[in-house]
N, C-alpha and C. Protein backbone atom coordinates (compact mmCIF):
# COMPACT_ATOMS: atom_id res chain seq x y z
N MET A 1 -28.32 73.79 -8.86
CA MET A 1 -28.54 74.36 -7.43
C MET A 1 -27.30 75.08 -6.97
N SER A 2 -27.29 76.27 -6.53
CA SER A 2 -26.09 76.97 -6.07
C SER A 2 -25.68 76.36 -4.70
N GLU A 3 -24.43 76.64 -4.33
CA GLU A 3 -23.86 76.07 -3.09
C GLU A 3 -24.62 76.76 -1.90
N VAL A 4 -25.05 77.99 -2.02
CA VAL A 4 -25.81 78.64 -0.89
C VAL A 4 -27.09 77.97 -0.69
N LEU A 5 -27.87 77.75 -1.83
CA LEU A 5 -29.14 77.11 -1.66
C LEU A 5 -29.06 75.65 -1.11
N SER A 6 -28.03 74.99 -1.54
CA SER A 6 -27.68 73.61 -1.07
C SER A 6 -27.45 73.73 0.44
N LEU A 7 -26.72 74.76 0.86
CA LEU A 7 -26.48 74.84 2.28
C LEU A 7 -27.76 75.06 3.11
N TRP A 8 -28.71 75.92 2.56
CA TRP A 8 -29.96 76.19 3.22
C TRP A 8 -30.71 74.90 3.35
N SER A 9 -30.76 74.04 2.28
CA SER A 9 -31.47 72.85 2.37
C SER A 9 -30.75 71.87 3.43
N LEU A 10 -29.55 71.84 3.46
CA LEU A 10 -28.81 70.98 4.36
C LEU A 10 -29.13 71.36 5.87
N LEU A 11 -29.05 72.69 6.04
CA LEU A 11 -29.32 73.12 7.46
C LEU A 11 -30.86 72.88 7.79
N ARG A 12 -31.74 72.95 6.87
CA ARG A 12 -33.13 72.70 7.05
C ARG A 12 -33.36 71.27 7.47
N LEU A 13 -32.73 70.36 6.72
CA LEU A 13 -33.00 68.89 7.00
C LEU A 13 -32.36 68.58 8.39
N ALA A 14 -31.16 69.08 8.71
CA ALA A 14 -30.55 68.71 10.00
C ALA A 14 -31.13 69.51 11.19
N SER A 15 -31.95 70.52 10.94
CA SER A 15 -32.40 71.39 12.03
C SER A 15 -33.25 70.58 13.04
N PRO A 16 -33.03 70.86 14.32
CA PRO A 16 -33.98 70.31 15.38
C PRO A 16 -35.33 70.91 15.23
N GLN A 17 -35.49 71.92 14.49
CA GLN A 17 -36.85 72.53 14.33
C GLN A 17 -37.65 71.78 13.23
N LEU A 18 -37.03 70.83 12.55
CA LEU A 18 -37.86 70.02 11.62
C LEU A 18 -38.88 69.24 12.39
N PRO A 19 -40.15 69.47 12.05
CA PRO A 19 -41.32 68.98 12.94
C PRO A 19 -41.55 67.51 12.79
N ILE A 20 -40.61 66.66 13.21
CA ILE A 20 -40.77 65.27 13.08
C ILE A 20 -40.74 64.62 14.48
N GLY A 21 -40.49 65.26 15.52
CA GLY A 21 -40.61 64.68 16.93
C GLY A 21 -39.37 64.05 17.39
N GLY A 22 -38.14 64.34 16.70
CA GLY A 22 -36.94 63.66 17.10
C GLY A 22 -36.48 63.91 18.55
N TYR A 23 -36.92 65.10 19.05
CA TYR A 23 -36.44 65.46 20.43
C TYR A 23 -37.21 64.53 21.46
N SER A 24 -38.24 63.76 21.10
CA SER A 24 -38.94 62.88 22.02
C SER A 24 -38.28 61.61 22.32
N TYR A 25 -37.24 61.28 21.62
CA TYR A 25 -36.53 60.00 21.69
C TYR A 25 -35.11 60.09 22.14
N SER A 26 -34.60 59.16 22.93
CA SER A 26 -33.28 59.12 23.38
C SER A 26 -32.53 57.87 22.81
N GLN A 27 -33.22 56.98 22.09
CA GLN A 27 -32.57 55.84 21.52
C GLN A 27 -31.78 54.98 22.44
N GLY A 28 -32.34 54.71 23.68
CA GLY A 28 -31.71 53.95 24.59
C GLY A 28 -30.77 54.70 25.58
N LEU A 29 -30.45 55.94 25.27
CA LEU A 29 -29.49 56.65 26.08
C LEU A 29 -29.98 56.91 27.47
N GLU A 30 -31.34 57.34 27.53
CA GLU A 30 -31.92 57.51 28.87
C GLU A 30 -31.89 56.23 29.70
N SER A 31 -32.06 55.11 29.16
CA SER A 31 -31.91 53.84 29.90
C SER A 31 -30.54 53.66 30.37
N ALA A 32 -29.54 53.87 29.59
CA ALA A 32 -28.12 53.76 29.96
C ALA A 32 -27.74 54.70 31.08
N ILE A 33 -28.37 55.87 31.05
CA ILE A 33 -28.14 56.75 32.22
C ILE A 33 -28.80 56.14 33.51
N ASP A 34 -30.08 55.69 33.31
CA ASP A 34 -30.71 55.20 34.59
C ASP A 34 -30.02 53.97 35.14
N LEU A 35 -29.34 53.18 34.26
CA LEU A 35 -28.62 51.98 34.73
C LEU A 35 -27.25 52.27 35.25
N GLY A 36 -26.74 53.52 35.05
CA GLY A 36 -25.46 54.01 35.56
C GLY A 36 -24.37 53.67 34.60
N GLN A 37 -24.71 53.26 33.35
CA GLN A 37 -23.71 53.09 32.36
C GLN A 37 -23.12 54.33 31.79
N VAL A 38 -23.94 55.39 31.83
CA VAL A 38 -23.53 56.76 31.46
C VAL A 38 -23.81 57.59 32.66
N LYS A 39 -22.83 58.22 33.20
CA LYS A 39 -22.97 58.94 34.37
C LYS A 39 -22.30 60.39 34.42
N ASP A 40 -21.35 60.60 33.38
CA ASP A 40 -20.63 61.72 33.29
C ASP A 40 -20.17 61.97 31.88
N ALA A 41 -19.39 63.10 31.60
CA ALA A 41 -18.94 63.38 30.27
C ALA A 41 -18.06 62.24 29.65
N GLU A 42 -17.26 61.66 30.40
CA GLU A 42 -16.36 60.59 29.89
C GLU A 42 -17.11 59.35 29.54
N SER A 43 -18.02 58.93 30.38
CA SER A 43 -18.76 57.68 30.03
C SER A 43 -19.74 58.00 28.87
N ALA A 44 -20.26 59.28 28.83
CA ALA A 44 -21.09 59.58 27.69
C ALA A 44 -20.29 59.62 26.39
N ARG A 45 -19.10 60.08 26.43
CA ARG A 45 -18.24 60.03 25.15
C ARG A 45 -18.02 58.53 24.88
N THR A 46 -17.80 57.69 25.75
CA THR A 46 -17.58 56.18 25.41
C THR A 46 -18.83 55.65 24.83
N TRP A 47 -20.06 55.97 25.33
CA TRP A 47 -21.27 55.35 24.77
C TRP A 47 -21.52 55.85 23.34
N LEU A 48 -21.25 57.22 23.15
CA LEU A 48 -21.51 57.75 21.80
C LEU A 48 -20.57 57.29 20.78
N VAL A 49 -19.24 57.14 21.11
CA VAL A 49 -18.26 56.64 20.22
C VAL A 49 -18.60 55.22 19.87
N ASP A 50 -19.02 54.41 20.85
CA ASP A 50 -19.33 53.01 20.56
C ASP A 50 -20.50 52.98 19.57
N GLN A 51 -21.52 53.92 19.84
CA GLN A 51 -22.67 53.91 18.80
C GLN A 51 -22.16 54.29 17.43
N LEU A 52 -21.27 55.21 17.33
CA LEU A 52 -20.79 55.64 16.03
C LEU A 52 -19.99 54.56 15.37
N GLN A 53 -19.04 53.96 16.02
CA GLN A 53 -18.17 52.93 15.45
C GLN A 53 -18.90 51.54 15.21
N LEU A 54 -19.65 51.12 16.16
CA LEU A 54 -20.19 49.77 16.13
C LEU A 54 -21.60 49.67 15.48
N ASN A 55 -22.27 50.79 15.41
CA ASN A 55 -23.65 50.76 14.91
C ASN A 55 -23.85 51.64 13.73
N LEU A 56 -23.65 52.88 13.95
CA LEU A 56 -23.91 53.86 12.85
C LEU A 56 -23.03 53.73 11.58
N ALA A 57 -21.72 53.53 11.82
CA ALA A 57 -20.82 53.38 10.71
C ALA A 57 -20.88 52.07 9.95
N ARG A 58 -21.40 51.10 10.67
CA ARG A 58 -21.38 49.68 10.22
C ARG A 58 -22.77 49.22 9.63
N PHE A 59 -23.80 49.89 10.17
CA PHE A 59 -25.10 49.33 9.79
C PHE A 59 -26.11 50.48 9.44
N GLU A 60 -26.51 51.35 10.41
CA GLU A 60 -27.45 52.35 10.15
C GLU A 60 -27.04 53.32 9.06
N GLY A 61 -25.79 53.74 9.07
CA GLY A 61 -25.36 54.62 8.01
C GLY A 61 -25.27 54.12 6.65
N PRO A 62 -24.70 52.92 6.46
CA PRO A 62 -24.65 52.29 5.16
C PRO A 62 -26.08 51.98 4.61
N LEU A 63 -26.96 51.58 5.43
CA LEU A 63 -28.39 51.31 4.98
C LEU A 63 -29.06 52.56 4.61
N LEU A 64 -28.84 53.63 5.38
CA LEU A 64 -29.38 54.93 4.88
C LEU A 64 -28.77 55.49 3.64
N ALA A 65 -27.47 55.21 3.51
CA ALA A 65 -26.80 55.56 2.16
C ALA A 65 -27.39 54.83 0.98
N GLU A 66 -27.78 53.62 1.27
CA GLU A 66 -28.33 52.79 0.23
C GLU A 66 -29.78 53.46 -0.13
N LEU A 67 -30.52 53.84 0.86
CA LEU A 67 -31.85 54.45 0.57
C LEU A 67 -31.59 55.84 -0.10
N LEU A 68 -30.64 56.61 0.32
CA LEU A 68 -30.40 57.94 -0.30
C LEU A 68 -30.05 57.72 -1.76
N ARG A 69 -29.12 56.77 -2.19
CA ARG A 69 -28.77 56.60 -3.52
C ARG A 69 -29.94 56.10 -4.37
N ALA A 70 -30.78 55.31 -3.80
CA ALA A 70 -31.99 54.73 -4.52
C ALA A 70 -32.94 55.86 -4.88
N ALA A 71 -33.19 56.78 -3.78
CA ALA A 71 -34.17 57.88 -4.03
C ALA A 71 -33.55 58.86 -4.96
N ASP A 72 -32.29 59.09 -4.92
CA ASP A 72 -31.50 60.07 -5.86
C ASP A 72 -31.66 59.57 -7.27
N ALA A 73 -31.55 58.23 -7.51
CA ALA A 73 -31.57 57.67 -8.81
C ALA A 73 -33.00 57.32 -9.29
N ALA A 74 -34.01 57.67 -8.45
CA ALA A 74 -35.50 57.28 -8.72
C ALA A 74 -35.60 55.84 -8.96
N ASP A 75 -34.88 54.94 -8.22
CA ASP A 75 -34.92 53.53 -8.26
C ASP A 75 -35.96 53.08 -7.17
N TRP A 76 -37.19 53.14 -7.53
CA TRP A 76 -38.32 53.02 -6.46
C TRP A 76 -38.31 51.54 -5.91
N GLY A 77 -37.94 50.58 -6.73
CA GLY A 77 -37.95 49.23 -6.34
C GLY A 77 -36.83 49.01 -5.33
N ALA A 78 -35.60 49.54 -5.56
CA ALA A 78 -34.54 49.44 -4.57
C ALA A 78 -34.84 50.19 -3.28
N LEU A 79 -35.52 51.34 -3.44
CA LEU A 79 -35.89 52.17 -2.26
C LEU A 79 -36.88 51.37 -1.40
N GLY A 80 -37.82 50.74 -2.03
CA GLY A 80 -38.85 49.97 -1.29
C GLY A 80 -38.14 48.76 -0.61
N ASP A 81 -37.18 47.98 -1.14
CA ASP A 81 -36.52 46.94 -0.61
C ASP A 81 -35.72 47.42 0.59
N ALA A 82 -34.91 48.47 0.44
CA ALA A 82 -34.08 48.96 1.60
C ALA A 82 -34.98 49.45 2.69
N ALA A 83 -36.08 50.10 2.43
CA ALA A 83 -36.92 50.52 3.42
C ALA A 83 -37.62 49.33 4.20
N GLU A 84 -37.85 48.31 3.53
CA GLU A 84 -38.39 47.10 4.30
C GLU A 84 -37.28 46.55 5.20
N ARG A 85 -36.07 46.46 4.72
CA ARG A 85 -34.93 45.96 5.61
C ARG A 85 -34.66 46.87 6.71
N HIS A 86 -34.81 48.21 6.57
CA HIS A 86 -34.67 49.19 7.62
C HIS A 86 -35.81 48.89 8.66
N ARG A 87 -36.96 48.79 8.22
CA ARG A 87 -38.12 48.50 9.13
C ARG A 87 -37.91 47.23 9.88
N ALA A 88 -37.47 46.21 9.30
CA ALA A 88 -37.27 44.87 9.94
C ALA A 88 -36.09 44.95 10.93
N SER A 89 -35.26 45.87 10.74
CA SER A 89 -33.98 45.92 11.64
C SER A 89 -34.32 46.56 12.97
N ARG A 90 -35.48 47.11 13.20
CA ARG A 90 -35.78 47.71 14.50
C ARG A 90 -35.96 46.67 15.53
N GLU A 91 -35.04 46.45 16.44
CA GLU A 91 -34.96 45.32 17.30
C GLU A 91 -36.08 45.37 18.43
N THR A 92 -36.54 46.50 18.76
CA THR A 92 -37.41 46.55 19.98
C THR A 92 -38.69 47.33 19.63
N ARG A 93 -39.65 47.28 20.44
CA ARG A 93 -40.96 47.86 20.24
C ARG A 93 -40.80 49.43 20.10
N GLU A 94 -40.02 49.92 20.97
CA GLU A 94 -39.81 51.40 21.04
C GLU A 94 -39.13 51.87 19.79
N LEU A 95 -38.12 51.20 19.27
CA LEU A 95 -37.44 51.65 18.08
C LEU A 95 -38.40 51.54 16.89
N GLY A 96 -39.21 50.51 16.86
CA GLY A 96 -40.18 50.37 15.87
C GLY A 96 -41.23 51.46 15.87
N LEU A 97 -41.73 51.90 17.08
CA LEU A 97 -42.66 52.93 17.09
C LEU A 97 -41.99 54.25 16.70
N GLU A 98 -40.71 54.46 17.03
CA GLU A 98 -40.04 55.73 16.65
C GLU A 98 -39.91 55.83 15.20
N ASN A 99 -39.57 54.67 14.56
CA ASN A 99 -39.42 54.72 13.14
C ASN A 99 -40.63 54.99 12.40
N ARG A 100 -41.82 54.47 12.98
CA ARG A 100 -43.09 54.72 12.31
C ARG A 100 -43.54 56.12 12.57
N GLN A 101 -43.47 56.62 13.74
CA GLN A 101 -43.92 57.87 14.06
C GLN A 101 -43.16 59.04 13.35
N MET A 102 -41.83 58.89 13.29
CA MET A 102 -41.06 59.91 12.64
C MET A 102 -41.12 59.82 11.13
N GLY A 103 -41.31 58.56 10.63
CA GLY A 103 -41.48 58.45 9.31
C GLY A 103 -42.76 58.98 8.74
N PHE A 104 -43.84 58.77 9.58
CA PHE A 104 -45.08 59.29 9.28
C PHE A 104 -45.08 60.85 9.31
N SER A 105 -44.49 61.41 10.30
CA SER A 105 -44.40 62.83 10.43
C SER A 105 -43.62 63.50 9.31
N LEU A 106 -42.49 62.95 9.05
CA LEU A 106 -41.71 63.53 7.79
C LEU A 106 -42.44 63.31 6.52
N GLY A 107 -43.05 62.17 6.38
CA GLY A 107 -43.98 61.92 5.17
C GLY A 107 -45.06 62.97 4.99
N GLN A 108 -45.73 63.32 6.04
CA GLN A 108 -46.76 64.25 6.06
C GLN A 108 -46.21 65.69 5.76
N LEU A 109 -45.02 65.97 6.23
CA LEU A 109 -44.37 67.20 5.89
C LEU A 109 -44.11 67.27 4.49
N LEU A 110 -43.44 66.22 3.97
CA LEU A 110 -43.05 66.28 2.51
C LEU A 110 -44.26 66.36 1.68
N ASP A 111 -45.31 65.74 1.87
CA ASP A 111 -46.57 65.78 1.11
C ASP A 111 -47.23 67.02 1.03
N ALA A 112 -46.92 67.86 2.13
CA ALA A 112 -47.51 69.24 2.18
C ALA A 112 -46.71 70.28 1.52
N LEU A 113 -45.51 69.87 1.11
CA LEU A 113 -44.50 70.86 0.41
C LEU A 113 -44.44 70.78 -1.03
N PRO A 114 -44.23 71.82 -1.71
CA PRO A 114 -44.24 71.71 -3.21
C PRO A 114 -42.99 71.07 -3.81
N GLU A 115 -41.86 70.95 -3.07
CA GLU A 115 -40.61 70.48 -3.61
C GLU A 115 -40.64 69.02 -4.00
N LEU A 116 -41.45 68.14 -3.48
CA LEU A 116 -41.37 66.76 -3.80
C LEU A 116 -42.02 66.54 -5.14
N ASP A 117 -41.24 65.84 -6.03
CA ASP A 117 -41.72 65.68 -7.40
C ASP A 117 -42.77 64.55 -7.44
N ALA A 118 -43.40 64.46 -8.53
CA ALA A 118 -44.52 63.55 -8.76
C ALA A 118 -44.11 62.01 -8.58
N PRO A 119 -43.05 61.54 -9.06
CA PRO A 119 -42.74 60.18 -8.87
C PRO A 119 -42.55 59.86 -7.39
N ALA A 120 -41.78 60.73 -6.76
CA ALA A 120 -41.51 60.53 -5.29
C ALA A 120 -42.80 60.62 -4.48
N ARG A 121 -43.70 61.56 -4.84
CA ARG A 121 -44.94 61.74 -4.13
C ARG A 121 -45.83 60.46 -4.38
N GLN A 122 -45.81 59.88 -5.54
CA GLN A 122 -46.53 58.69 -5.79
C GLN A 122 -46.10 57.54 -4.98
N TRP A 123 -44.69 57.31 -4.88
CA TRP A 123 -44.23 56.28 -4.10
C TRP A 123 -44.50 56.43 -2.58
N LEU A 124 -44.43 57.67 -2.14
CA LEU A 124 -44.78 57.94 -0.78
C LEU A 124 -46.27 57.66 -0.45
N ALA A 125 -47.18 57.96 -1.30
CA ALA A 125 -48.58 57.77 -1.13
C ALA A 125 -48.84 56.24 -1.09
N ALA A 126 -48.08 55.51 -1.77
CA ALA A 126 -48.35 53.97 -1.69
C ALA A 126 -47.82 53.35 -0.45
N GLN A 127 -47.15 53.99 0.46
CA GLN A 127 -46.57 53.36 1.62
C GLN A 127 -47.55 53.51 2.76
N ALA A 128 -47.92 52.28 3.32
CA ALA A 128 -48.80 52.25 4.48
C ALA A 128 -48.21 52.95 5.69
N GLU A 129 -46.88 52.60 5.93
CA GLU A 129 -46.13 53.07 7.02
C GLU A 129 -44.74 53.47 6.60
N PRO A 130 -44.57 54.61 6.14
CA PRO A 130 -43.15 54.92 5.58
C PRO A 130 -42.13 54.94 6.53
N SER A 131 -41.07 54.23 6.22
CA SER A 131 -39.85 54.23 7.14
C SER A 131 -39.30 55.57 7.27
N PHE A 132 -38.80 55.92 8.46
CA PHE A 132 -38.15 57.16 8.68
C PHE A 132 -36.97 57.42 7.75
N ALA A 133 -36.10 56.39 7.67
CA ALA A 133 -34.97 56.49 6.74
C ALA A 133 -35.38 56.77 5.25
N ALA A 134 -36.49 56.04 4.87
CA ALA A 134 -36.93 56.23 3.56
C ALA A 134 -37.53 57.65 3.32
N ALA A 135 -38.32 58.17 4.38
CA ALA A 135 -38.83 59.52 4.20
C ALA A 135 -37.52 60.51 4.18
N TRP A 136 -36.47 60.23 4.90
CA TRP A 136 -35.36 61.08 4.92
C TRP A 136 -34.68 61.14 3.48
N ALA A 137 -34.67 59.98 2.86
CA ALA A 137 -34.12 59.89 1.57
C ALA A 137 -34.99 60.78 0.53
N LEU A 138 -36.31 60.64 0.76
CA LEU A 138 -37.17 61.51 -0.07
C LEU A 138 -37.04 62.96 0.17
N ALA A 139 -36.73 63.35 1.39
CA ALA A 139 -36.48 64.68 1.76
C ALA A 139 -35.20 65.22 1.04
N ALA A 140 -34.19 64.29 1.06
CA ALA A 140 -32.90 64.64 0.39
C ALA A 140 -33.10 64.81 -1.14
N ARG A 141 -33.98 64.00 -1.76
CA ARG A 141 -34.26 64.15 -3.15
C ARG A 141 -35.11 65.45 -3.41
N ALA A 142 -36.05 65.70 -2.53
CA ALA A 142 -36.89 66.94 -2.74
C ALA A 142 -35.99 68.19 -2.64
N TRP A 143 -35.05 68.18 -1.71
CA TRP A 143 -34.27 69.39 -1.45
C TRP A 143 -32.93 69.33 -2.19
N ARG A 144 -32.76 68.38 -3.15
CA ARG A 144 -31.64 68.23 -4.00
C ARG A 144 -30.26 68.17 -3.30
N LEU A 145 -30.29 67.31 -2.25
CA LEU A 145 -29.08 67.17 -1.54
C LEU A 145 -28.34 65.81 -2.02
N THR A 146 -27.12 65.75 -2.05
CA THR A 146 -26.40 64.64 -2.45
C THR A 146 -26.52 63.55 -1.30
N PRO A 147 -26.33 62.26 -1.55
CA PRO A 147 -26.24 61.29 -0.48
C PRO A 147 -25.35 61.54 0.57
N GLU A 148 -24.13 62.07 0.23
CA GLU A 148 -23.18 62.42 1.32
C GLU A 148 -23.67 63.52 2.17
N GLN A 149 -24.29 64.58 1.54
CA GLN A 149 -24.83 65.62 2.36
C GLN A 149 -25.93 65.24 3.27
N ALA A 150 -26.81 64.38 2.75
CA ALA A 150 -28.00 63.92 3.52
C ALA A 150 -27.59 62.97 4.66
N LEU A 151 -26.63 62.15 4.45
CA LEU A 151 -26.09 61.35 5.39
C LEU A 151 -25.39 62.02 6.54
N GLY A 152 -24.63 63.09 6.12
CA GLY A 152 -24.00 63.99 7.13
C GLY A 152 -24.99 64.65 7.98
N ALA A 153 -26.05 65.14 7.40
CA ALA A 153 -27.13 65.82 8.13
C ALA A 153 -27.79 64.91 9.09
N TRP A 154 -27.98 63.66 8.77
CA TRP A 154 -28.63 62.62 9.54
C TRP A 154 -27.70 62.44 10.79
N LEU A 155 -26.45 62.20 10.47
CA LEU A 155 -25.44 61.96 11.61
C LEU A 155 -25.44 63.04 12.56
N TRP A 156 -25.44 64.31 11.99
CA TRP A 156 -25.34 65.54 12.90
C TRP A 156 -26.59 65.59 13.81
N SER A 157 -27.76 65.40 13.10
CA SER A 157 -29.03 65.49 13.93
C SER A 157 -29.06 64.47 15.05
N TRP A 158 -28.44 63.21 14.71
CA TRP A 158 -28.34 62.27 15.83
C TRP A 158 -27.50 62.65 16.94
N LEU A 159 -26.31 63.25 16.56
CA LEU A 159 -25.39 63.68 17.58
C LEU A 159 -26.05 64.82 18.43
N GLU A 160 -26.64 65.75 17.72
CA GLU A 160 -27.22 66.89 18.42
C GLU A 160 -28.33 66.43 19.38
N ASN A 161 -29.15 65.50 18.94
CA ASN A 161 -30.22 64.93 19.84
C ASN A 161 -29.61 64.18 21.06
N GLN A 162 -28.60 63.42 20.80
CA GLN A 162 -28.01 62.73 21.96
C GLN A 162 -27.50 63.63 23.00
N LEU A 163 -26.79 64.82 22.50
CA LEU A 163 -26.27 65.66 23.47
C LEU A 163 -27.35 66.45 24.26
N ALA A 164 -28.52 66.68 23.56
CA ALA A 164 -29.65 67.31 24.17
C ALA A 164 -30.19 66.33 25.37
N VAL A 165 -30.23 65.08 25.09
CA VAL A 165 -30.75 64.12 26.03
C VAL A 165 -29.75 64.17 27.25
N LEU A 166 -28.43 64.18 27.06
CA LEU A 166 -27.48 64.31 28.13
C LEU A 166 -27.64 65.51 28.93
N MET A 167 -27.85 66.63 28.28
CA MET A 167 -28.06 67.84 29.05
C MET A 167 -29.30 67.97 29.87
N LYS A 168 -30.35 67.14 29.42
CA LYS A 168 -31.65 67.05 30.17
C LYS A 168 -31.66 66.10 31.29
N THR A 169 -30.85 65.09 31.21
CA THR A 169 -30.88 64.05 32.20
C THR A 169 -29.60 63.78 33.07
N LEU A 170 -28.45 64.47 32.75
CA LEU A 170 -27.34 64.42 33.50
C LEU A 170 -27.01 65.83 33.94
N PRO A 171 -26.11 66.01 35.03
CA PRO A 171 -25.54 67.35 35.27
C PRO A 171 -24.52 67.69 34.26
N LEU A 172 -24.92 67.84 33.08
CA LEU A 172 -24.01 68.22 31.97
C LEU A 172 -24.49 69.51 31.30
N GLY A 173 -23.64 70.55 31.46
CA GLY A 173 -23.93 71.80 30.94
C GLY A 173 -23.63 72.01 29.53
N GLN A 174 -23.95 73.19 28.92
CA GLN A 174 -23.75 73.43 27.50
C GLN A 174 -22.34 73.49 27.15
N LEU A 175 -21.45 73.98 28.05
CA LEU A 175 -20.01 74.09 27.77
C LEU A 175 -19.43 72.59 27.64
N ALA A 176 -19.86 71.75 28.58
CA ALA A 176 -19.43 70.38 28.56
C ALA A 176 -19.96 69.64 27.23
N ALA A 177 -21.13 69.99 26.83
CA ALA A 177 -21.68 69.44 25.65
C ALA A 177 -20.88 69.88 24.42
N GLN A 178 -20.51 71.13 24.42
CA GLN A 178 -19.70 71.70 23.30
C GLN A 178 -18.18 71.04 23.30
N LYS A 179 -17.65 70.72 24.44
CA LYS A 179 -16.43 70.05 24.50
C LYS A 179 -16.57 68.63 23.98
N LEU A 180 -17.68 67.93 24.28
CA LEU A 180 -17.99 66.56 23.72
C LEU A 180 -18.11 66.69 22.22
N THR A 181 -18.70 67.72 21.75
CA THR A 181 -18.90 67.87 20.35
C THR A 181 -17.58 67.92 19.60
N SER A 182 -16.62 68.72 20.17
CA SER A 182 -15.33 68.81 19.60
C SER A 182 -14.57 67.59 19.56
N GLN A 183 -14.73 66.71 20.66
CA GLN A 183 -14.10 65.49 20.71
C GLN A 183 -14.69 64.42 19.67
N LEU A 184 -16.08 64.59 19.47
CA LEU A 184 -16.76 63.63 18.64
C LEU A 184 -16.83 63.93 17.17
N LEU A 185 -16.58 65.18 16.77
CA LEU A 185 -16.66 65.52 15.32
C LEU A 185 -15.67 64.66 14.49
N PRO A 186 -14.52 64.34 14.87
CA PRO A 186 -13.68 63.44 14.08
C PRO A 186 -14.29 62.05 13.97
N GLU A 187 -14.84 61.56 14.97
CA GLU A 187 -15.54 60.33 14.94
C GLU A 187 -16.79 60.25 14.03
N LEU A 188 -17.44 61.44 14.04
CA LEU A 188 -18.68 61.60 13.22
C LEU A 188 -18.27 61.58 11.77
N ASP A 189 -17.18 62.26 11.48
CA ASP A 189 -16.71 62.28 10.09
C ASP A 189 -16.20 60.89 9.62
N ALA A 190 -15.49 60.23 10.54
CA ALA A 190 -15.04 58.92 10.08
C ALA A 190 -16.23 57.87 9.95
N ALA A 191 -17.30 58.02 10.80
CA ALA A 191 -18.41 57.22 10.56
C ALA A 191 -19.13 57.54 9.27
N CYS A 192 -19.22 58.73 8.95
CA CYS A 192 -19.89 59.06 7.61
C CYS A 192 -19.10 58.58 6.44
N ARG A 193 -17.75 58.67 6.48
CA ARG A 193 -16.89 58.19 5.37
C ARG A 193 -17.00 56.69 5.32
N ALA A 194 -17.00 56.01 6.47
CA ALA A 194 -17.09 54.47 6.41
C ALA A 194 -18.44 54.00 5.96
N ALA A 195 -19.57 54.69 6.35
CA ALA A 195 -20.86 54.32 5.88
C ALA A 195 -21.04 54.52 4.41
N LEU A 196 -20.41 55.50 3.80
CA LEU A 196 -20.62 55.73 2.37
C LEU A 196 -19.89 54.70 1.55
N ARG A 197 -18.77 54.06 2.10
CA ARG A 197 -17.99 53.21 1.30
C ARG A 197 -18.35 51.68 1.69
N ASN A 198 -19.25 51.47 2.60
CA ASN A 198 -19.59 50.15 3.15
C ASN A 198 -20.78 49.62 2.56
N ASP A 199 -20.57 48.67 1.58
CA ASP A 199 -21.62 48.07 0.81
C ASP A 199 -22.23 46.75 1.49
N ALA A 200 -21.30 46.02 2.23
CA ALA A 200 -21.69 44.85 2.95
C ALA A 200 -21.97 45.15 4.38
N HIS A 201 -23.08 45.90 4.65
CA HIS A 201 -23.28 46.41 5.97
C HIS A 201 -23.92 45.37 6.89
N GLY A 202 -23.67 45.55 8.16
CA GLY A 202 -24.21 44.68 9.20
C GLY A 202 -23.64 45.06 10.50
N GLY A 203 -24.39 44.72 11.54
CA GLY A 203 -24.04 45.02 12.90
C GLY A 203 -24.81 44.24 13.93
N ALA A 204 -24.36 44.28 15.13
CA ALA A 204 -25.06 43.61 16.31
C ALA A 204 -24.81 44.35 17.54
N PRO A 205 -25.49 45.46 17.62
CA PRO A 205 -25.48 46.29 18.83
C PRO A 205 -26.25 45.74 20.01
N PHE A 206 -25.86 44.66 20.60
CA PHE A 206 -26.68 44.11 21.59
C PHE A 206 -26.95 44.93 22.83
N GLY A 207 -25.96 45.71 23.22
CA GLY A 207 -26.12 46.58 24.38
C GLY A 207 -27.10 47.68 24.06
N LEU A 208 -27.19 48.18 22.89
CA LEU A 208 -28.10 49.22 22.57
C LEU A 208 -29.50 48.60 22.62
N ALA A 209 -29.63 47.34 22.03
CA ALA A 209 -30.99 46.75 22.08
C ALA A 209 -31.43 46.45 23.52
N LEU A 210 -30.51 46.01 24.40
CA LEU A 210 -30.91 45.74 25.70
C LEU A 210 -31.33 47.03 26.45
N ALA A 211 -30.57 48.06 26.20
CA ALA A 211 -30.93 49.37 26.76
C ALA A 211 -32.35 49.83 26.35
N CYS A 212 -32.65 49.63 25.11
CA CYS A 212 -33.98 50.09 24.59
C CYS A 212 -35.07 49.15 25.21
N MET A 213 -34.78 47.93 25.35
CA MET A 213 -35.72 47.00 25.97
C MET A 213 -36.01 47.36 27.45
N ASN A 214 -34.92 47.70 28.22
CA ASN A 214 -35.02 48.10 29.52
C ASN A 214 -35.88 49.40 29.66
N HIS A 215 -35.72 50.24 28.62
CA HIS A 215 -36.34 51.55 28.71
C HIS A 215 -37.95 51.47 28.65
N GLU A 216 -38.41 50.31 27.94
CA GLU A 216 -39.80 50.14 27.97
C GLU A 216 -40.48 50.00 29.28
N THR A 217 -39.78 49.55 30.26
CA THR A 217 -40.37 49.27 31.68
C THR A 217 -39.75 50.14 32.65
N GLN A 218 -38.97 51.24 32.16
CA GLN A 218 -38.31 52.02 33.10
C GLN A 218 -39.41 52.86 33.88
N TYR A 219 -39.16 52.99 35.18
CA TYR A 219 -40.20 53.54 36.03
C TYR A 219 -40.45 55.04 35.78
N SER A 220 -39.46 55.84 35.69
CA SER A 220 -39.60 57.22 35.42
C SER A 220 -38.65 57.61 34.21
N ARG A 221 -39.28 58.35 33.29
CA ARG A 221 -38.45 58.67 32.01
C ARG A 221 -39.14 60.00 31.43
N LEU A 222 -38.18 60.58 30.64
CA LEU A 222 -38.59 61.73 29.98
C LEU A 222 -38.83 61.63 28.43
N PHE A 223 -38.28 60.51 28.00
CA PHE A 223 -38.27 60.20 26.53
C PHE A 223 -39.04 59.04 26.15
N ARG A 224 -39.40 58.94 24.96
CA ARG A 224 -40.29 57.73 24.47
C ARG A 224 -39.46 56.63 24.07
N SER A 225 -38.19 56.72 23.98
CA SER A 225 -37.29 55.56 23.67
C SER A 225 -35.98 55.69 24.21
């Protein structure tokens, strides 16, 4: 696969136009804004850096890397095991629903496209509720992306979505969001590198879980999590 074709696939996977409903979720950020924990660009930067360092680099990213390697190697048993652990790690009802909805949507998309090979298609068809991370790993396999590329695309899509949440819910303009992006790109790169080399992954993001639980009963909200 040429470098240009690989780039097209990478951009396709990371694009907010991928029809999986990611824009519907804030992953607790809307709750943090409602509680006053995030109120401006500086507190937003603190929240996002904490998520990168304490959650994504230590747990979410390494677990996704495990799924990506399993799908790339066609190790369907390992993929299924990691997918179950990913599903079990959703601490709140909203995070569980997000995982199922986005996993279903991405699975439906992949099943309708010709790029998914027969073994991957068979594994997907056997899943009652495909994990979003597992479906992402299958997309990376279908579009011939390396685990590093696919993990980078996932981290970028997470950051882009979080910035979109901030622009919709805070008085934060596009210029401020771009400044935040410049500040956070080194953190994003560090989280990606840490996730790829972290085999003994684990984390305890209690603040994130509490924010997500609070969001379930938040009086007024734009997002589903």
